[in-house]
Amino acid sequence: MHFRLGTPALLSGVMALSMFTGACATKKHVREQIAPVQQQVSDVQKTATEHTTHLGDLDRNVAKVNEAAMEADRKAGAAAQSAERAQTAANQAQSAANSASTAAQQAMTRAGEVEKSLGDKIENLDNYQLVTTEKVYFRVNRYELSKEEKEKLDQAVQNIQNMKHYVIEIAGYTDKTGSRAANLELSRKRADAVVRYLTVQHNIPLRRIHDVGAGADFPDADNKTRAARKENRRVDIRIYSLDGAKAGQQTSSLSAPTSQQ
C-alpha cells in the first residue's frame, strides 16, 4: 500500500514523531544543563557540611581554649594570692629578724655592761671588810629557826640597813652524828632556812647572798660531848661590806643558846 505525502495520517504521524523527538531532545538538553548545576550544588552542600563540621570542631576548640584560659586565670589568681602571702610572711620574717638582731645587740651591750660590772666587783672582793658575824643554832636533826635565832638574824640585819655594797656568806653545819650524806642534806636545809628568812622577812636580794651546806666539816667543837655537839649544829652568817662601815665592825658572835637539845 502506498501513502501519499501530505495525507492527514502521514502528517499526523510526522508531527507526533517530531514532537516526541523534540521532547526527548529538550529533556536531554535540560539534563545536560542541570547536571553540572546539581553537581555544583552537591559540592556546595558537601563543602557546607564540611564547614559545619569544622565550625563545630572550632567551637569545641574555642570552648576548650576558653576553659583553659579560665583555669589559667584561676591559677594565676591563686599564684598571686600565694605570692602575696609569701611576701607578707617574708616581711614578717624580716621584721622578726630585725627585732632579733636589735635584741641581740642590746643583749651584747648589756652583757658587756654586766661583765664590766662583775669585773669591777671581782676586783673589789679583796676590799670587802667583815662587818659582823652571827651564829644561829638548831635542835638535833632539825632545820627550823627558833624565835631566839630569828631575833639574832633581825639584829644582824640592822647592821646593814645603811650599806649599799655588801655580801652575806651563809654556811650550814651539823655535828658528826649520822651519815655524811644525811649531814650534808641537813646542813643545806639549815642554810636554806636562814636564806629564806633573810629574803622573805627582810627583803635581802638573793644576789647578795652566797650559801653552802658543809655537813660535819669545819666543826666549832670536837663532837665528844653533848655541849660540843650543840656548838656544831649551827649556821654561820658573815656580812662583808665595801663601804668600810664602822657599825658592827667587830665580830658579834653570841654564845650558844641554853635551849639546845
C-alpha atoms as a PDB file:
ATOM      1  CA  MET A   1       0.000   0.000   0.000  1.00  0.00           C
ATOM      2  CA  HIS A   2       1.309   3.377  -0.866  1.00  0.00           C
ATOM      3  CA  PHE A   3       0.777   6.568   1.101  1.00  0.00           C
ATOM      4  CA  ARG A   4       0.809   9.819  -0.327  1.00  0.00           C
ATOM      5  CA  LEU A   5       2.850  12.517   1.039  1.00  0.00           C
ATOM      6  CA  GLY A   6       0.669  15.083   2.648  1.00  0.00           C
ATOM      7  CA  THR A   7      -2.121  12.857   3.583  1.00  0.00           C
ATOM      8  CA  PRO A   8      -3.583  13.622   7.014  1.00  0.00           C
ATOM      9  CA  ALA A   9      -2.500  10.378   8.597  1.00  0.00           C
ATOM     10  CA  LEU A  10       1.027  10.808   7.435  1.00  0.00           C
ATOM     11  CA  LEU A  11       1.143  14.353   8.577  1.00  0.00           C
ATOM     12  CA  SER A  12      -0.153  13.354  11.967  1.00  0.00           C
ATOM     13  CA  GLY A  13       2.485  10.699  12.351  1.00  0.00           C
ATOM     14  CA  VAL A  14       5.233  13.004  11.244  1.00  0.00           C
ATOM     15  CA  MET A  15       4.087  15.669  13.675  1.00  0.00           C
ATOM     16  CA  ALA A  16       3.857  13.169  16.547  1.00  0.00           C
ATOM     17  CA  LEU A  17       7.302  11.848  15.755  1.00  0.00           C
ATOM     18  CA  SER A  18       8.667  15.346  15.542  1.00  0.00           C
ATOM     19  CA  MET A  19       7.140  16.292  18.853  1.00  0.00           C
ATOM     20  CA  PHE A  20       8.478  13.137  20.521  1.00  0.00           C
ATOM     21  CA  THR A  21      11.886  13.661  19.046  1.00  0.00           C
ATOM     22  CA  GLY A  22      11.826  17.316  20.104  1.00  0.00           C
ATOM     23  CA  ALA A  23      10.715  16.443  23.650  1.00  0.00           C
ATOM     24  CA  CYS A  24      13.499  13.900  24.036  1.00  0.00           C
ATOM     25  CA  ALA A  25      15.987  16.393  22.783  1.00  0.00           C
ATOM     26  CA  THR A  26      14.726  19.034  25.194  1.00  0.00           C
ATOM     27  CA  LYS A  27      14.936  16.704  28.235  1.00  0.00           C
ATOM     28  CA  LYS A  28      18.416  15.654  27.270  1.00  0.00           C
ATOM     29  CA  HIS A  29      19.415  19.246  26.907  1.00  0.00           C
ATOM     30  CA  VAL A  30      17.906  20.065  30.238  1.00  0.00           C
ATOM     31  CA  ARG A  31      19.694  17.185  31.892  1.00  0.00           C
ATOM     32  CA  GLU A  32      22.945  18.240  30.331  1.00  0.00           C
ATOM     33  CA  GLN A  33      22.431  21.781  31.609  1.00  0.00           C
ATOM     34  CA  ILE A  34      21.163  20.797  35.048  1.00  0.00           C
ATOM     35  CA  ALA A  35      23.698  18.050  35.791  1.00  0.00           C
ATOM     36  CA  PRO A  36      26.630  20.436  36.340  1.00  0.00           C
ATOM     37  CA  VAL A  37      24.457  22.632  38.476  1.00  0.00           C
ATOM     38  CA  GLN A  38      23.366  19.682  40.556  1.00  0.00           C
ATOM     39  CA  GLN A  39      26.988  18.629  40.868  1.00  0.00           C
ATOM     40  CA  GLN A  40      27.903  22.118  41.986  1.00  0.00           C
ATOM     41  CA  VAL A  41      25.034  22.127  44.448  1.00  0.00           C
ATOM     42  CA  SER A  42      26.153  18.770  45.749  1.00  0.00           C
ATOM     43  CA  ASP A  43      29.714  20.050  46.071  1.00  0.00           C
ATOM     44  CA  VAL A  44      28.477  23.153  47.820  1.00  0.00           C
ATOM     45  CA  GLN A  45      26.375  21.069  50.191  1.00  0.00           C
ATOM     46  CA  LYS A  46      29.350  18.817  50.861  1.00  0.00           C
ATOM     47  CA  THR A  47      31.560  21.825  51.446  1.00  0.00           C
ATOM     48  CA  ALA A  48      28.912  23.363  53.701  1.00  0.00           C
ATOM     49  CA  THR A  49      28.709  20.140  55.636  1.00  0.00           C
ATOM     50  CA  GLU A  50      32.472  20.088  55.986  1.00  0.00           C
ATOM     51  CA  HIS A  51      32.435  23.728  57.049  1.00  0.00           C
ATOM     52  CA  THR A  52      29.724  22.972  59.581  1.00  0.00           C
ATOM     53  CA  THR A  53      31.836  20.131  60.915  1.00  0.00           C
ATOM     54  CA  HIS A  54      34.864  22.389  61.006  1.00  0.00           C
ATOM     55  CA  LEU A  55      32.836  25.085  62.744  1.00  0.00           C
ATOM     56  CA  GLY A  56      31.713  22.550  65.327  1.00  0.00           C
ATOM     57  CA  ASP A  57      35.313  21.499  65.883  1.00  0.00           C
ATOM     58  CA  LEU A  58      36.320  25.138  66.060  1.00  0.00           C
ATOM     59  CA  ASP A  59      33.591  25.875  68.608  1.00  0.00           C
ATOM     60  CA  ARG A  60      34.736  22.955  70.708  1.00  0.00           C
ATOM     61  CA  ASN A  61      38.329  24.106  70.431  1.00  0.00           C
ATOM     62  CA  VAL A  62      37.316  27.625  71.366  1.00  0.00           C
ATOM     63  CA  ALA A  63      35.402  26.285  74.351  1.00  0.00           C
ATOM     64  CA  LYS A  64      38.455  24.297  75.409  1.00  0.00           C
ATOM     65  CA  VAL A  65      40.651  27.346  74.945  1.00  0.00           C
ATOM     66  CA  ASN A  66      38.229  29.437  76.994  1.00  0.00           C
ATOM     67  CA  GLU A  67      38.155  26.791  79.704  1.00  0.00           C
ATOM     68  CA  ALA A  68      41.937  26.612  79.692  1.00  0.00           C
ATOM     69  CA  ALA A  69      42.126  30.407  79.828  1.00  0.00           C
ATOM     70  CA  MET A  70      39.719  30.490  82.788  1.00  0.00           C
ATOM     71  CA  GLU A  71      41.754  27.790  84.551  1.00  0.00           C
ATOM     72  CA  ALA A  72      44.917  29.742  83.825  1.00  0.00           C
ATOM     73  CA  ASP A  73      43.288  32.874  85.241  1.00  0.00           C
ATOM     74  CA  ARG A  74      42.248  30.952  88.337  1.00  0.00           C
ATOM     75  CA  LYS A  75      45.732  29.561  88.802  1.00  0.00           C
ATOM     76  CA  ALA A  76      47.227  32.975  88.185  1.00  0.00           C
ATOM     77  CA  GLY A  77      44.928  34.446  90.834  1.00  0.00           C
ATOM     78  CA  ALA A  78      45.833  31.693  93.280  1.00  0.00           C
ATOM     79  CA  ALA A  79      49.517  32.202  92.481  1.00  0.00           C
ATOM     80  CA  ALA A  80      49.151  35.937  93.049  1.00  0.00           C
ATOM     81  CA  GLN A  81      47.498  35.301  96.419  1.00  0.00           C
ATOM     82  CA  SER A  82      50.235  32.808  97.339  1.00  0.00           C
ATOM     83  CA  ALA A  83      52.864  35.320  96.285  1.00  0.00           C
ATOM     84  CA  GLU A  84      51.179  37.992  98.383  1.00  0.00           C
ATOM     85  CA  ARG A  85      51.063  35.685 101.411  1.00  0.00           C
ATOM     86  CA  ALA A  86      54.686  34.730 100.832  1.00  0.00           C
ATOM     87  CA  GLN A  87      55.652  38.388 100.646  1.00  0.00           C
ATOM     88  CA  THR A  88      53.741  39.102 103.855  1.00  0.00           C
ATOM     89  CA  ALA A  89      55.451  36.176 105.558  1.00  0.00           C
ATOM     90  CA  ALA A  90      58.807  37.373 104.237  1.00  0.00           C
ATOM     91  CA  ASN A  91      58.142  40.866 105.559  1.00  0.00           C
ATOM     92  CA  GLN A  92      57.168  39.444 108.943  1.00  0.00           C
ATOM     93  CA  ALA A  93      60.257  37.237 108.977  1.00  0.00           C
ATOM     94  CA  GLN A  94      62.435  40.213 108.106  1.00  0.00           C
ATOM     95  CA  SER A  95      60.791  42.254 110.844  1.00  0.00           C
ATOM     96  CA  ALA A  96      61.354  39.419 113.328  1.00  0.00           C
ATOM     97  CA  ALA A  97      64.968  39.104 112.177  1.00  0.00           C
ATOM     98  CA  ASN A  98      65.470  42.835 112.635  1.00  0.00           C
ATOM     99  CA  SER A  99      63.926  42.646 116.104  1.00  0.00           C
ATOM    100  CA  ALA A 100      66.094  39.649 116.969  1.00  0.00           C
ATOM    101  CA  SER A 101      69.179  41.470 115.707  1.00  0.00           C
ATOM    102  CA  THR A 102      68.297  44.527 117.779  1.00  0.00           C
ATOM    103  CA  ALA A 103      67.649  42.351 120.833  1.00  0.00           C
ATOM    104  CA  ALA A 104      70.947  40.542 120.271  1.00  0.00           C
ATOM    105  CA  GLN A 105      72.817  43.829 120.049  1.00  0.00           C
ATOM    106  CA  GLN A 106      71.110  45.057 123.194  1.00  0.00           C
ATOM    107  CA  ALA A 107      71.927  41.770 124.934  1.00  0.00           C
ATOM    108  CA  MET A 108      75.557  42.046 123.863  1.00  0.00           C
ATOM    109  CA  THR A 109      75.681  45.607 125.128  1.00  0.00           C
ATOM    110  CA  ARG A 110      74.065  44.547 128.391  1.00  0.00           C
ATOM    111  CA  ALA A 111      76.411  41.575 128.652  1.00  0.00           C
ATOM    112  CA  GLY A 112      79.346  43.923 128.235  1.00  0.00           C
ATOM    113  CA  GLU A 113      77.983  46.149 130.952  1.00  0.00           C
ATOM    114  CA  VAL A 114      77.389  43.181 133.260  1.00  0.00           C
ATOM    115  CA  GLU A 115      80.840  41.803 132.519  1.00  0.00           C
ATOM    116  CA  LYS A 116      82.391  45.159 133.327  1.00  0.00           C
ATOM    117  CA  SER A 117      80.316  45.406 136.493  1.00  0.00           C
ATOM    118  CA  LEU A 118      81.292  41.895 137.543  1.00  0.00           C
ATOM    119  CA  GLY A 119      84.893  42.677 136.754  1.00  0.00           C
ATOM    120  CA  ASP A 120      84.706  45.702 138.977  1.00  0.00           C
ATOM    121  CA  LYS A 121      83.092  43.671 141.730  1.00  0.00           C
ATOM    122  CA  ILE A 122      85.671  40.897 141.443  1.00  0.00           C
ATOM    123  CA  GLU A 123      88.445  43.459 141.631  1.00  0.00           C
ATOM    124  CA  ASN A 124      86.820  44.837 144.779  1.00  0.00           C
ATOM    125  CA  LEU A 125      86.312  41.491 146.505  1.00  0.00           C
ATOM    126  CA  ASP A 126      89.588  41.821 148.313  1.00  0.00           C
ATOM    127  CA  ASN A 127      88.456  45.221 149.557  1.00  0.00           C
ATOM    128  CA  TYR A 128      85.358  43.914 151.336  1.00  0.00           C
ATOM    129  CA  GLN A 129      85.649  44.019 155.117  1.00  0.00           C
ATOM    130  CA  LEU A 130      83.948  41.840 157.671  1.00  0.00           C
ATOM    131  CA  VAL A 131      81.185  43.823 159.361  1.00  0.00           C
ATOM    132  CA  THR A 132      79.600  41.235 161.602  1.00  0.00           C
ATOM    133  CA  THR A 133      79.389  37.524 162.282  1.00  0.00           C
ATOM    134  CA  GLU A 134      76.359  35.751 163.676  1.00  0.00           C
ATOM    135  CA  LYS A 135      75.645  32.144 164.604  1.00  0.00           C
ATOM    136  CA  VAL A 136      72.243  30.522 164.812  1.00  0.00           C
ATOM    137  CA  TYR A 137      71.726  27.069 166.305  1.00  0.00           C
ATOM    138  CA  PHE A 138      69.362  24.149 165.696  1.00  0.00           C
ATOM    139  CA  ARG A 139      67.972  21.142 167.539  1.00  0.00           C
ATOM    140  CA  VAL A 140      69.086  17.622 166.709  1.00  0.00           C
ATOM    141  CA  ASN A 141      68.030  16.655 163.158  1.00  0.00           C
ATOM    142  CA  ARG A 142      66.005  19.882 162.805  1.00  0.00           C
ATOM    143  CA  TYR A 143      66.362  22.861 160.460  1.00  0.00           C
ATOM    144  CA  GLU A 144      63.537  25.166 161.643  1.00  0.00           C
ATOM    145  CA  LEU A 145      64.551  28.543 163.082  1.00  0.00           C
ATOM    146  CA  SER A 146      63.501  29.150 166.683  1.00  0.00           C
ATOM    147  CA  LYS A 147      62.214  32.529 167.896  1.00  0.00           C
ATOM    148  CA  GLU A 148      65.534  33.292 169.578  1.00  0.00           C
ATOM    149  CA  GLU A 149      67.511  32.568 166.394  1.00  0.00           C
ATOM    150  CA  LYS A 150      65.207  34.755 164.314  1.00  0.00           C
ATOM    151  CA  GLU A 151      65.864  37.609 166.744  1.00  0.00           C
ATOM    152  CA  LYS A 152      69.583  37.157 166.168  1.00  0.00           C
ATOM    153  CA  LEU A 153      69.068  37.457 162.430  1.00  0.00           C
ATOM    154  CA  ASP A 154      66.890  40.547 162.912  1.00  0.00           C
ATOM    155  CA  GLN A 155      69.731  42.191 164.868  1.00  0.00           C
ATOM    156  CA  ALA A 156      72.298  41.221 162.244  1.00  0.00           C
ATOM    157  CA  VAL A 157      70.221  42.782 159.507  1.00  0.00           C
ATOM    158  CA  GLN A 158      70.094  46.067 161.450  1.00  0.00           C
ATOM    159  CA  ASN A 159      73.843  46.394 160.907  1.00  0.00           C
ATOM    160  CA  ILE A 160      73.464  46.604 157.098  1.00  0.00           C
ATOM    161  CA  GLN A 161      70.497  48.978 156.804  1.00  0.00           C
ATOM    162  CA  ASN A 162      72.636  51.852 155.541  1.00  0.00           C
ATOM    163  CA  MET A 163      75.044  49.822 153.436  1.00  0.00           C
ATOM    164  CA  LYS A 164      74.996  49.929 149.652  1.00  0.00           C
ATOM    165  CA  HIS A 165      77.715  47.394 148.916  1.00  0.00           C
ATOM    166  CA  TYR A 166      77.639  44.237 150.969  1.00  0.00           C
ATOM    167  CA  VAL A 167      77.550  40.459 150.632  1.00  0.00           C
ATOM    168  CA  ILE A 168      76.394  37.785 153.052  1.00  0.00           C
ATOM    169  CA  GLU A 169      78.042  34.396 153.470  1.00  0.00           C
ATOM    170  CA  ILE A 170      75.862  31.636 154.949  1.00  0.00           C
ATOM    171  CA  ALA A 171      77.333  28.246 155.830  1.00  0.00           C
ATOM    172  CA  GLY A 172      75.329  25.411 157.380  1.00  0.00           C
ATOM    173  CA  TYR A 173      76.856  22.700 159.608  1.00  0.00           C
ATOM    174  CA  THR A 174      75.937  19.602 161.643  1.00  0.00           C
ATOM    175  CA  ASP A 175      77.544  17.512 164.314  1.00  0.00           C
ATOM    176  CA  LYS A 176      79.058  14.144 163.344  1.00  0.00           C
ATOM    177  CA  THR A 177      76.032  12.118 164.385  1.00  0.00           C
ATOM    178  CA  GLY A 178      74.577  10.255 161.389  1.00  0.00           C
ATOM    179  CA  SER A 179      75.879   9.547 157.877  1.00  0.00           C
ATOM    180  CA  ARG A 180      77.855  12.028 155.824  1.00  0.00           C
ATOM    181  CA  ALA A 181      75.150  12.215 153.138  1.00  0.00           C
ATOM    182  CA  ALA A 182      72.407  12.870 155.699  1.00  0.00           C
ATOM    183  CA  ASN A 183      74.519  15.540 157.393  1.00  0.00           C
ATOM    184  CA  LEU A 184      75.210  17.307 154.085  1.00  0.00           C
ATOM    185  CA  GLU A 185      71.496  17.409 153.286  1.00  0.00           C
ATOM    186  CA  LEU A 186      70.590  18.643 156.770  1.00  0.00           C
ATOM    187  CA  SER A 187      73.257  21.367 156.646  1.00  0.00           C
ATOM    188  CA  ARG A 188      71.867  22.590 153.291  1.00  0.00           C
ATOM    189  CA  LYS A 189      68.379  22.769 154.741  1.00  0.00           C
ATOM    190  CA  ARG A 190      69.642  24.789 157.707  1.00  0.00           C
ATOM    191  CA  ALA A 191      71.418  27.230 155.375  1.00  0.00           C
ATOM    192  CA  ASP A 192      68.297  27.450 153.205  1.00  0.00           C
ATOM    193  CA  ALA A 193      66.166  28.265 156.257  1.00  0.00           C
ATOM    194  CA  VAL A 194      68.387  31.258 157.040  1.00  0.00           C
ATOM    195  CA  VAL A 195      68.413  32.432 153.394  1.00  0.00           C
ATOM    196  CA  ARG A 196      64.630  32.154 153.222  1.00  0.00           C
ATOM    197  CA  TYR A 197      64.180  34.182 156.402  1.00  0.00           C
ATOM    198  CA  LEU A 198      66.505  36.968 155.223  1.00  0.00           C
ATOM    199  CA  THR A 199      64.962  37.235 151.750  1.00  0.00           C
ATOM    200  CA  VAL A 200      61.302  36.881 152.745  1.00  0.00           C
ATOM    201  CA  GLN A 201      61.246  38.719 156.080  1.00  0.00           C
ATOM    202  CA  HIS A 202      63.890  41.349 155.378  1.00  0.00           C
ATOM    203  CA  ASN A 203      63.853  41.625 151.566  1.00  0.00           C
ATOM    204  CA  ILE A 204      67.570  40.930 151.245  1.00  0.00           C
ATOM    205  CA  PRO A 205      68.282  40.418 147.497  1.00  0.00           C
ATOM    206  CA  LEU A 206      69.372  36.890 146.676  1.00  0.00           C
ATOM    207  CA  ARG A 207      72.214  38.257 144.551  1.00  0.00           C
ATOM    208  CA  ARG A 208      73.884  39.448 147.766  1.00  0.00           C
ATOM    209  CA  ILE A 209      73.748  36.016 149.440  1.00  0.00           C
ATOM    210  CA  HIS A 210      76.128  33.078 148.996  1.00  0.00           C
ATOM    211  CA  ASP A 211      75.276  29.891 150.869  1.00  0.00           C
ATOM    212  CA  VAL A 212      76.629  26.378 151.272  1.00  0.00           C
ATOM    213  CA  GLY A 213      75.897  23.243 153.290  1.00  0.00           C
ATOM    214  CA  ALA A 214      79.158  21.818 154.681  1.00  0.00           C
ATOM    215  CA  GLY A 215      77.833  18.929 156.766  1.00  0.00           C
ATOM    216  CA  ALA A 216      80.017  17.985 159.710  1.00  0.00           C
ATOM    217  CA  ASP A 217      83.150  19.564 158.250  1.00  0.00           C
ATOM    218  CA  PHE A 218      84.774  22.537 159.984  1.00  0.00           C
ATOM    219  CA  PRO A 219      83.372  21.867 163.474  1.00  0.00           C
ATOM    220  CA  ASP A 220      83.494  24.533 166.149  1.00  0.00           C
ATOM    221  CA  ALA A 221      83.957  21.843 168.810  1.00  0.00           C
ATOM    222  CA  ASP A 222      85.294  18.276 168.980  1.00  0.00           C
ATOM    223  CA  ASN A 223      81.868  16.495 168.991  1.00  0.00           C
ATOM    224  CA  LYS A 224      82.899  14.409 172.012  1.00  0.00           C
ATOM    225  CA  THR A 225      80.364  15.889 174.412  1.00  0.00           C
ATOM    226  CA  ARG A 226      76.734  16.894 174.205  1.00  0.00           C
ATOM    227  CA  ALA A 227      77.610  20.558 174.651  1.00  0.00           C
ATOM    228  CA  ALA A 228      80.249  20.344 171.920  1.00  0.00           C
ATOM    229  CA  ARG A 229      77.797  18.784 169.513  1.00  0.00           C
ATOM    230  CA  LYS A 230      75.341  21.653 170.189  1.00  0.00           C
ATOM    231  CA  GLU A 231      78.028  24.102 169.044  1.00  0.00           C
ATOM    232  CA  ASN A 232      78.310  22.274 165.716  1.00  0.00           C
ATOM    233  CA  ARG A 233      74.578  22.244 164.917  1.00  0.00           C
ATOM    234  CA  ARG A 234      74.737  25.779 163.521  1.00  0.00           C
ATOM    235  CA  VAL A 235      74.689  28.207 160.608  1.00  0.00           C
ATOM    236  CA  ASP A 236      77.390  30.844 160.414  1.00  0.00           C
ATOM    237  CA  ILE A 237      76.399  34.221 158.906  1.00  0.00           C
ATOM    238  CA  ARG A 238      79.169  36.620 157.895  1.00  0.00           C
ATOM    239  CA  ILE A 239      78.392  40.054 156.475  1.00  0.00           C
ATOM    240  CA  TYR A 240      81.044  41.846 154.427  1.00  0.00           C
ATOM    241  CA  SER A 241      80.881  45.443 153.257  1.00  0.00           C
ATOM    242  CA  LEU A 242      82.763  47.565 150.739  1.00  0.00           C
ATOM    243  CA  ASP A 243      81.620  50.721 152.475  1.00  0.00           C
ATOM    244  CA  GLY A 244      84.037  50.335 155.374  1.00  0.00           C
ATOM    245  CA  ALA A 245      81.120  50.666 157.773  1.00  0.00           C
ATOM    246  CA  LYS A 246      82.113  51.148 161.366  1.00  0.00           C
ATOM    247  CA  ALA A 247      78.944  49.914 162.966  1.00  0.00           C
ATOM    248  CA  GLY A 248      79.237  46.264 163.880  1.00  0.00           C
ATOM    249  CA  GLN A 249      82.809  46.136 162.561  1.00  0.00           C
ATOM    250  CA  GLN A 250      83.821  43.749 165.324  1.00  0.00           C
ATOM    251  CA  THR A 251      82.647  40.176 165.392  1.00  0.00           C
ATOM    252  CA  SER A 252      79.464  39.882 167.424  1.00  0.00           C
ATOM    253  CA  SER A 253      79.022  36.161 167.760  1.00  0.00           C
ATOM    254  CA  LEU A 254      76.670  35.197 170.545  1.00  0.00           C
ATOM    255  CA  SER A 255      77.119  32.274 172.832  1.00  0.00           C
ATOM    256  CA  ALA A 256      75.178  29.090 172.195  1.00  0.00           C
ATOM    257  CA  PRO A 257      71.577  29.339 173.434  1.00  0.00           C
ATOM    258  CA  THR A 258      70.634  27.371 176.512  1.00  0.00           C
ATOM    259  CA  SER A 259      67.592  25.898 174.801  1.00  0.00           C
ATOM    260  CA  GLN A 260      69.581  23.481 172.593  1.00  0.00           C
ATOM    261  CA  GLN A 261      68.788  19.813 172.884  1.00  0.00           C
END
